[in-house]
Amino acid sequence: MTLKLNISEKGKAWKIEIEPETLAGKSIGDIIPGKKIKPELEGYEFQITGGTDFAGFPMDGDTEGIGLKRVLLTKGWGMWSKPKGLKKKKPRARKGLRLRKTVRGKTVFEKTVQVNMNVIKEGSKKLTEIFPEQNQPKQKPENTQRLIEEKPAEAKSEQKPEAKAEKPQEKSAKTAPEAKA
């Protein structure tokens, strides 16, 4: 299993995949030298700001260890303005809303899948030079024009059925009474 790193720098994110043993035992808030992650990142220093485990539970900086814990949260962390079940009532700002959520401890271990980091100190090379494949602008697919094209006019005229044939009228059961002879 690989560990995905998201490195944030001035509004841009850079993604790297490394072995989980590289950051095992590190916690949220720890500063890591870039050379430990990848040799090209020499001179950089990164700070761990968060992450998630294999099931998607977020790491919490206030929870010690590696285990799961249910904590009472007030703001952020997927909170909503009103609890579930009150959707049909009038929306109102609720003061003091707290919900119990499951979070993972702040230590990185083998079941951690993704770690978020911020750049604390820049190295000699820019990240755009180190990761040129991630610095490309998104390109539009070439097939979009073909999807917009209309069918030729000849094909449209062939599809139209010609005048409908009239159905013969059936004799109704109520005809003029027959004359008795």
Protein backbone atom coordinates (compact mmCIF):
# COMPACT_ATOMS: atom_id res chain seq x y z
CA MET A 1 0.00 0.00 0.00
CA THR A 2 1.30 3.47 -0.84
CA LEU A 3 1.02 6.68 1.12
CA LYS A 4 -0.25 9.69 -0.84
CA LEU A 5 1.22 13.06 0.10
CA ASN A 6 -0.50 16.33 -0.75
CA ILE A 7 2.00 19.17 -0.51
CA SER A 8 0.46 22.65 -0.45
CA GLU A 9 2.40 25.73 -1.47
CA LYS A 10 0.85 29.14 -2.17
CA GLY A 11 -2.51 27.79 -3.32
CA LYS A 12 -1.13 24.91 -5.40
CA ALA A 13 -1.06 21.25 -4.44
CA TRP A 14 1.59 18.73 -5.47
CA LYS A 15 0.98 15.00 -5.16
CA ILE A 16 3.57 12.30 -4.41
CA GLU A 17 3.25 8.60 -3.60
CA ILE A 18 5.76 7.11 -1.16
CA GLU A 19 6.13 4.07 1.09
CA PRO A 20 4.26 4.39 4.43
CA GLU A 21 7.38 3.44 6.44
CA THR A 22 8.93 6.79 5.49
CA LEU A 23 6.58 8.77 7.76
CA ALA A 24 5.58 6.03 10.25
CA GLY A 25 5.44 7.38 13.79
CA LYS A 26 5.28 11.07 12.78
CA SER A 27 2.42 13.19 14.12
CA ILE A 28 0.41 16.21 13.02
CA GLY A 29 2.54 19.32 13.53
CA ASP A 30 5.89 17.54 13.04
CA ILE A 31 8.37 19.12 10.64
CA ILE A 32 9.97 16.73 8.13
CA PRO A 33 13.00 17.41 5.91
CA GLY A 34 12.25 17.06 2.19
CA LYS A 35 15.28 14.81 1.59
CA LYS A 36 13.61 12.10 3.71
CA ILE A 37 10.62 12.06 1.34
CA LYS A 38 12.42 12.35 -2.00
CA PRO A 39 16.07 13.21 -2.83
CA GLU A 40 15.00 15.98 -5.25
CA LEU A 41 13.31 17.83 -2.35
CA GLU A 42 16.59 18.60 -0.58
CA GLY A 43 16.42 21.91 1.27
CA TYR A 44 12.63 21.80 1.71
CA GLU A 45 10.93 21.40 5.08
CA PHE A 46 7.32 20.27 5.39
CA GLN A 47 4.84 20.31 8.27
CA ILE A 48 2.16 17.62 8.58
CA THR A 49 -1.26 19.29 8.81
CA GLY A 50 -3.66 16.32 8.57
CA GLY A 51 -4.62 13.18 6.71
CA THR A 52 -7.03 10.25 6.48
CA ASP A 53 -6.94 6.51 7.06
CA PHE A 54 -8.02 3.68 4.72
CA ALA A 55 -11.71 4.10 5.69
CA GLY A 56 -11.72 7.88 5.21
CA PHE A 57 -11.67 8.90 8.87
CA PRO A 58 -9.78 12.19 9.28
CA MET A 59 -6.77 12.56 11.56
CA ASP A 60 -7.38 14.85 14.54
CA GLY A 61 -4.53 16.89 16.00
CA ASP A 62 -6.01 16.75 19.51
CA THR A 63 -6.42 12.94 19.66
CA GLU A 64 -3.32 11.05 20.80
CA GLY A 65 -2.15 7.77 19.25
CA ILE A 66 -3.32 5.88 16.19
CA GLY A 67 -6.72 4.56 17.27
CA LEU A 68 -10.26 5.60 16.40
CA LYS A 69 -12.09 7.79 18.87
CA ARG A 70 -15.55 9.37 18.95
CA VAL A 71 -15.24 13.02 19.92
CA LEU A 72 -17.75 15.82 20.36
CA LEU A 73 -17.15 18.48 17.70
CA THR A 74 -18.66 21.93 17.24
CA LYS A 75 -17.36 23.62 14.07
CA GLY A 76 -15.90 22.30 10.81
CA TRP A 77 -15.28 18.59 10.19
CA GLY A 78 -18.40 18.08 8.06
CA MET A 79 -20.77 19.86 10.42
CA TRP A 80 -24.11 21.19 9.19
CA SER A 81 -26.30 24.00 10.49
CA LYS A 82 -29.08 21.72 11.71
CA PRO A 83 -29.04 18.08 12.77
CA LYS A 84 -30.45 15.32 10.58
CA GLY A 85 -34.20 14.84 10.82
CA LEU A 86 -35.04 18.55 11.06
CA LYS A 87 -34.94 19.23 7.32
CA LYS A 88 -38.67 19.93 6.99
CA LYS A 89 -38.74 22.48 9.79
CA LYS A 90 -37.77 26.09 9.26
CA PRO A 91 -34.01 26.50 8.96
CA ARG A 92 -32.52 28.55 11.75
CA ALA A 93 -29.08 29.21 13.03
CA ARG A 94 -28.49 26.87 15.95
CA LYS A 95 -26.15 28.04 18.64
CA GLY A 96 -24.22 25.40 20.51
CA LEU A 97 -24.75 22.62 17.97
CA ARG A 98 -22.39 19.74 18.73
CA LEU A 99 -22.17 16.36 17.05
CA ARG A 100 -20.22 13.24 17.90
CA LYS A 101 -17.88 12.20 15.07
CA THR A 102 -15.33 9.42 14.66
CA VAL A 103 -11.75 10.59 14.12
CA ARG A 104 -8.35 8.92 13.88
CA GLY A 105 -5.43 9.78 16.17
CA LYS A 106 -2.74 12.24 15.09
CA THR A 107 0.05 9.70 14.46
CA VAL A 108 0.83 8.38 10.95
CA PHE A 109 0.91 4.54 10.80
CA GLU A 110 0.58 1.72 8.24
CA LYS A 111 -3.20 2.19 7.73
CA THR A 112 -2.85 5.90 6.94
CA VAL A 113 -3.54 6.42 3.24
CA GLN A 114 -3.21 10.17 2.71
CA VAL A 115 -1.22 12.90 4.46
CA ASN A 116 -1.53 16.68 3.96
CA MET A 117 1.58 18.86 4.28
CA ASN A 118 2.48 22.54 4.04
CA VAL A 119 5.81 23.92 2.85
CA ILE A 120 7.66 25.58 5.74
CA LYS A 121 11.01 26.20 4.05
CA GLU A 122 11.70 26.22 0.30
CA GLY A 123 14.65 24.48 -1.28
CA SER A 124 16.94 25.54 -4.11
CA LYS A 125 14.70 24.12 -6.88
CA LYS A 126 11.09 25.19 -7.34
CA LEU A 127 8.36 22.54 -7.08
CA THR A 128 7.30 23.35 -10.67
CA GLU A 129 10.74 22.15 -11.81
CA ILE A 130 10.67 19.04 -9.63
CA PHE A 131 7.17 18.01 -10.77
CA PRO A 132 6.82 19.21 -14.38
CA GLU A 133 4.09 16.63 -15.22
CA GLN A 134 1.81 18.14 -12.55
CA ASN A 135 2.37 21.68 -13.82
CA GLN A 136 0.51 21.22 -17.13
CA PRO A 137 -2.77 23.06 -17.81
CA LYS A 138 -5.82 20.89 -18.34
CA GLN A 139 -6.60 20.20 -22.00
CA LYS A 140 -10.07 19.89 -23.47
CA PRO A 141 -10.87 16.64 -25.27
CA GLU A 142 -10.67 16.80 -29.06
CA ASN A 143 -13.95 14.93 -29.63
CA THR A 144 -16.19 17.70 -28.28
CA GLN A 145 -16.73 19.26 -31.71
CA ARG A 146 -17.82 15.94 -33.20
CA LEU A 147 -20.46 15.48 -30.52
CA ILE A 148 -22.00 18.88 -31.28
CA GLU A 149 -22.34 18.34 -35.05
CA GLU A 150 -25.82 17.78 -36.39
CA LYS A 151 -26.88 15.02 -38.72
CA PRO A 152 -26.85 15.85 -42.44
CA ALA A 153 -30.11 17.16 -43.94
CA GLU A 154 -30.49 14.11 -46.22
CA ALA A 155 -30.55 11.75 -43.28
CA LYS A 156 -33.29 13.78 -41.62
CA SER A 157 -35.54 13.69 -44.69
CA GLU A 158 -35.12 9.93 -45.08
CA GLN A 159 -36.24 9.31 -41.53
CA LYS A 160 -39.58 11.13 -41.94
CA PRO A 161 -42.37 8.74 -42.85
CA GLU A 162 -44.38 9.60 -45.88
CA ALA A 163 -48.09 10.42 -45.68
CA LYS A 164 -49.91 7.94 -43.52
CA ALA A 165 -52.17 5.51 -45.30
CA GLU A 166 -55.78 5.94 -44.39
CA LYS A 167 -57.36 3.08 -42.54
CA PRO A 168 -60.56 1.70 -44.02
CA GLN A 169 -63.52 2.55 -41.90
CA GLU A 170 -65.16 -0.37 -40.25
CA LYS A 171 -68.88 -0.81 -40.49
CA SER A 172 -70.53 0.04 -37.30
CA ALA A 173 -72.95 -2.32 -35.63
CA LYS A 174 -75.69 0.28 -35.71
CA THR A 175 -76.66 0.32 -39.36
CA ALA A 176 -80.03 1.19 -40.79
CA PRO A 177 -82.66 -1.39 -39.84
CA GLU A 178 -83.23 -3.90 -42.52
CA ALA A 179 -86.67 -3.93 -44.07
CA LYS A 180 -88.68 -7.05 -43.33
CA ALA A 181 -89.96 -8.71 -46.38
